[in-house]
Amino acid sequence: MSASTAVLAILAALFLGAMIPGPSFVIVARNAIGLSRSDGLATALGMGVGGIFFGSIALAGLYTVLQAVEWLYIGLKIAGGAYLVFVASKIWRGAGHAIAMDKEFDARPANPRRSFWMGLTTQLSNPKTAIWYGSIFAALLPQHPPVWCYFLLPPLVFAVECGWYTVVALGFSSRGPREMYLRARKWIDRIAAGAIAALGLRLILTAPKAGI
């Protein structure tokens, strides 16, 4: 896999992961619903900044470790693939469950600055996000990526995270799109789960053939 293809695959995997409703999704959605559109957008910005942090840490750590320990590259590809399959199974099982929205959350006045920090801290405090980034980067990034990857990936990660949650904020700040998503959520989640599982299986099956 070329470096450019790997970058596109990483961004696609991160986008699929961001689409799955979790703590970040709920925070952005309920800020947009209960406070204001600007609060939802500020929360989305915080999620994007958190994505830059996780992406940069993954890039910095992987280069040194994988360069020194070649067998770890294959091991991380297998572990990353297994984790993706596990995540996909949880997404599939939870696709029919309702998303819990805190109706008491709308009592506070709008405050975009506070919403930004809420988004950032929610992103940074979620250990599953760190594991997700580590798995994706370890599984897909070449062992010796070109220098441009280190400069291009962080802003692209920000664009994916912030871009998706901006869509969420805009959608959930109006009634129609919110109701449409909730009606179609079961199938959206299951399609995403299938794609993530396929990616995980591919990583496991191709790991022994990985170039070192």
Protein backbone atom coordinates (compact mmCIF):
# COMPACT_ATOMS: atom_id res chain seq x y z
CA MET A 1 0.00 0.00 0.00
CA SER A 2 1.45 3.39 -1.02
CA ALA A 3 1.67 6.24 1.47
CA SER A 4 -1.05 8.25 -0.29
CA THR A 5 -3.39 5.24 -0.32
CA ALA A 6 -2.64 4.62 3.35
CA VAL A 7 -3.49 8.23 4.22
CA LEU A 8 -6.81 7.96 2.39
CA ALA A 9 -7.56 4.67 4.15
CA ILE A 10 -6.75 6.21 7.55
CA LEU A 11 -9.02 9.17 6.88
CA ALA A 12 -11.83 6.90 5.70
CA ALA A 13 -11.51 4.72 8.82
CA LEU A 14 -11.46 7.76 11.11
CA PHE A 15 -14.49 9.17 9.33
CA LEU A 16 -16.41 5.93 9.82
CA GLY A 17 -15.39 5.90 13.47
CA ALA A 18 -16.48 9.49 13.98
CA MET A 19 -19.89 8.70 12.47
CA ILE A 20 -20.68 6.10 15.14
CA PRO A 21 -22.74 7.62 17.97
CA GLY A 22 -20.74 7.69 21.19
CA PRO A 23 -19.89 10.26 23.88
CA SER A 24 -18.56 12.78 21.33
CA PHE A 25 -21.64 12.42 19.13
CA VAL A 26 -24.02 12.86 22.05
CA ILE A 27 -22.20 15.94 23.37
CA VAL A 28 -22.25 17.68 19.98
CA ALA A 29 -25.86 16.70 19.32
CA ARG A 30 -27.25 17.76 22.65
CA ASN A 31 -25.31 21.06 22.61
CA ALA A 32 -26.78 21.78 19.19
CA ILE A 33 -30.27 20.75 20.30
CA GLY A 34 -30.35 22.13 23.83
CA LEU A 35 -28.19 25.26 23.59
CA SER A 36 -27.66 26.74 20.15
CA ARG A 37 -26.21 26.07 16.71
CA SER A 38 -23.10 28.10 17.62
CA ASP A 39 -22.59 25.93 20.70
CA GLY A 40 -22.83 22.81 18.56
CA LEU A 41 -20.29 24.21 16.10
CA ALA A 42 -17.94 25.21 18.93
CA THR A 43 -18.18 21.69 20.33
CA ALA A 44 -17.35 20.31 16.88
CA LEU A 45 -14.27 22.55 16.78
CA GLY A 46 -13.15 21.11 20.12
CA MET A 47 -13.53 17.58 18.73
CA GLY A 48 -11.35 18.53 15.77
CA VAL A 49 -8.59 19.91 17.98
CA GLY A 50 -8.70 16.70 20.03
CA GLY A 51 -8.31 14.75 16.80
CA ILE A 52 -5.13 16.68 15.98
CA PHE A 53 -3.73 15.72 19.39
CA PHE A 54 -4.45 12.01 18.99
CA GLY A 55 -3.24 11.97 15.40
CA SER A 56 0.01 13.72 16.27
CA ILE A 57 0.69 11.40 19.22
CA ALA A 58 0.03 8.35 17.06
CA LEU A 59 2.37 9.63 14.36
CA ALA A 60 5.18 10.53 16.75
CA GLY A 61 5.06 7.28 18.67
CA LEU A 62 4.63 4.85 15.82
CA TYR A 63 7.58 6.05 13.78
CA THR A 64 10.15 5.43 16.52
CA VAL A 65 8.71 2.16 17.77
CA LEU A 66 8.08 0.53 14.42
CA GLN A 67 11.47 1.56 13.08
CA ALA A 68 13.22 -0.16 15.99
CA VAL A 69 11.04 -3.27 16.36
CA GLU A 70 10.10 -4.67 12.96
CA TRP A 71 8.05 -7.65 14.19
CA LEU A 72 5.85 -5.26 16.17
CA TYR A 73 4.58 -3.81 12.89
CA ILE A 74 2.93 -7.11 11.96
CA GLY A 75 1.69 -7.62 15.51
CA LEU A 76 0.05 -4.21 15.60
CA LYS A 77 -1.61 -4.81 12.26
CA ILE A 78 -3.17 -8.01 13.63
CA ALA A 79 -4.12 -6.35 16.92
CA GLY A 80 -5.54 -3.33 15.11
CA GLY A 81 -7.58 -5.52 12.80
CA ALA A 82 -8.92 -7.55 15.73
CA TYR A 83 -9.91 -4.37 17.54
CA LEU A 84 -11.74 -3.07 14.47
CA VAL A 85 -13.70 -6.32 14.21
CA PHE A 86 -14.55 -6.05 17.93
CA VAL A 87 -15.72 -2.44 17.50
CA ALA A 88 -17.79 -3.41 14.45
CA SER A 89 -19.53 -6.16 16.44
CA LYS A 90 -20.43 -3.72 19.20
CA ILE A 91 -21.73 -1.19 16.69
CA TRP A 92 -23.85 -3.85 14.98
CA ARG A 93 -25.34 -5.05 18.26
CA GLY A 94 -26.08 -1.52 19.42
CA ALA A 95 -27.54 -0.29 16.12
CA GLY A 96 -31.12 -0.80 17.29
CA HIS A 97 -30.67 0.91 20.66
CA ALA A 98 -31.96 4.42 21.17
CA ILE A 99 -29.47 7.25 21.75
CA ALA A 100 -29.87 8.68 25.24
CA MET A 101 -30.21 12.45 25.15
CA ASP A 102 -30.21 14.36 28.43
CA LYS A 103 -33.35 16.51 28.35
CA GLU A 104 -32.23 18.47 31.41
CA PHE A 105 -29.10 19.58 29.56
CA ASP A 106 -30.88 22.46 27.81
CA ALA A 107 -31.33 24.46 30.98
CA ARG A 108 -27.99 26.29 30.66
CA PRO A 109 -27.54 29.43 28.53
CA ALA A 110 -25.51 29.33 25.33
CA ASN A 111 -21.75 29.69 25.76
CA PRO A 112 -19.66 28.68 22.70
CA ARG A 113 -16.36 28.99 24.58
CA ARG A 114 -17.52 26.58 27.25
CA SER A 115 -18.90 24.27 24.56
CA PHE A 116 -15.52 24.25 22.80
CA TRP A 117 -13.75 23.12 25.97
CA MET A 118 -16.45 20.58 26.63
CA GLY A 119 -15.88 19.09 23.19
CA LEU A 120 -12.09 19.09 23.58
CA THR A 121 -12.09 17.51 27.04
CA THR A 122 -14.68 14.93 26.01
CA GLN A 123 -12.49 13.90 23.08
CA LEU A 124 -9.26 13.80 25.10
CA SER A 125 -10.74 11.97 28.09
CA ASN A 126 -12.15 9.07 26.07
CA PRO A 127 -9.64 6.18 26.16
CA LYS A 128 -11.49 4.42 23.34
CA THR A 129 -10.63 7.31 21.04
CA ALA A 130 -6.93 6.94 21.83
CA ILE A 131 -7.10 3.18 21.20
CA TRP A 132 -9.01 3.76 17.95
CA TYR A 133 -6.41 6.19 16.62
CA GLY A 134 -3.55 3.96 17.68
CA SER A 135 -5.11 0.93 16.00
CA ILE A 136 -5.88 2.75 12.76
CA PHE A 137 -2.44 4.34 12.43
CA ALA A 138 -0.61 1.18 13.43
CA ALA A 139 -2.62 -0.96 11.04
CA LEU A 140 -2.57 1.28 7.96
CA LEU A 141 0.41 3.63 8.10
CA PRO A 142 3.53 2.33 6.32
CA GLN A 143 6.39 1.45 8.62
CA HIS A 144 8.54 4.16 7.04
CA PRO A 145 6.08 6.89 5.96
CA PRO A 146 7.40 9.82 3.91
CA VAL A 147 7.99 13.12 5.70
CA TRP A 148 4.95 14.77 4.13
CA CYS A 149 2.66 12.42 6.06
CA TYR A 150 3.72 14.05 9.32
CA PHE A 151 2.75 17.50 8.07
CA LEU A 152 -0.39 16.57 6.14
CA LEU A 153 -2.11 14.01 8.37
CA PRO A 154 -2.83 16.20 11.46
CA PRO A 155 -4.74 18.93 9.55
CA LEU A 156 -6.56 16.25 7.53
CA VAL A 157 -7.54 14.49 10.76
CA PHE A 158 -8.84 17.82 12.05
CA ALA A 159 -10.87 18.28 8.86
CA VAL A 160 -12.43 14.82 9.26
CA GLU A 161 -13.30 15.19 12.95
CA CYS A 162 -14.38 18.81 12.87
CA GLY A 163 -16.12 18.41 9.51
CA TRP A 164 -18.26 15.46 10.60
CA TYR A 165 -19.25 17.00 13.91
CA THR A 166 -20.04 20.27 12.14
CA VAL A 167 -22.51 18.32 10.01
CA VAL A 168 -23.93 16.80 13.21
CA ALA A 169 -24.26 20.21 14.84
CA LEU A 170 -25.96 21.72 11.80
CA GLY A 171 -28.26 18.74 11.41
CA PHE A 172 -29.31 18.43 15.03
CA SER A 173 -29.91 22.16 15.42
CA SER A 174 -32.92 21.76 13.11
CA ARG A 175 -35.82 19.41 13.70
CA GLY A 176 -36.24 17.74 10.30
CA PRO A 177 -32.72 16.34 9.73
CA ARG A 178 -32.53 15.15 13.34
CA GLU A 179 -35.68 13.09 13.03
CA MET A 180 -34.58 11.68 9.65
CA TYR A 181 -31.26 10.51 11.10
CA LEU A 182 -32.86 8.88 14.12
CA ARG A 183 -35.26 6.95 11.86
CA ALA A 184 -32.40 5.68 9.65
CA ARG A 185 -29.83 5.21 12.42
CA LYS A 186 -30.17 1.40 12.54
CA TRP A 187 -29.13 0.93 8.91
CA ILE A 188 -26.51 3.69 8.94
CA ASP A 189 -24.79 2.05 11.91
CA ARG A 190 -24.95 -1.42 10.38
CA ILE A 191 -23.50 -0.27 7.07
CA ALA A 192 -20.65 1.42 8.95
CA ALA A 193 -20.15 -1.72 11.09
CA GLY A 194 -19.87 -3.88 7.98
CA ALA A 195 -17.28 -1.56 6.44
CA ILE A 196 -15.21 -1.46 9.65
CA ALA A 197 -15.35 -5.26 10.03
CA ALA A 198 -14.21 -5.71 6.42
CA LEU A 199 -11.27 -3.39 7.04
CA GLY A 200 -10.32 -5.26 10.21
CA LEU A 201 -10.43 -8.66 8.49
CA ARG A 202 -8.33 -7.36 5.62
CA LEU A 203 -5.68 -6.15 8.05
CA ILE A 204 -5.55 -9.51 9.83
CA LEU A 205 -5.35 -11.53 6.61
CA THR A 206 -2.67 -9.34 5.00
CA ALA A 207 -0.52 -8.81 8.13
CA PRO A 208 1.83 -11.81 7.49
CA LYS A 209 2.53 -10.38 4.02
CA ALA A 210 3.34 -6.90 5.27
CA GLY A 211 6.56 -5.49 3.94
CA ILE A 212 9.16 -4.81 6.60
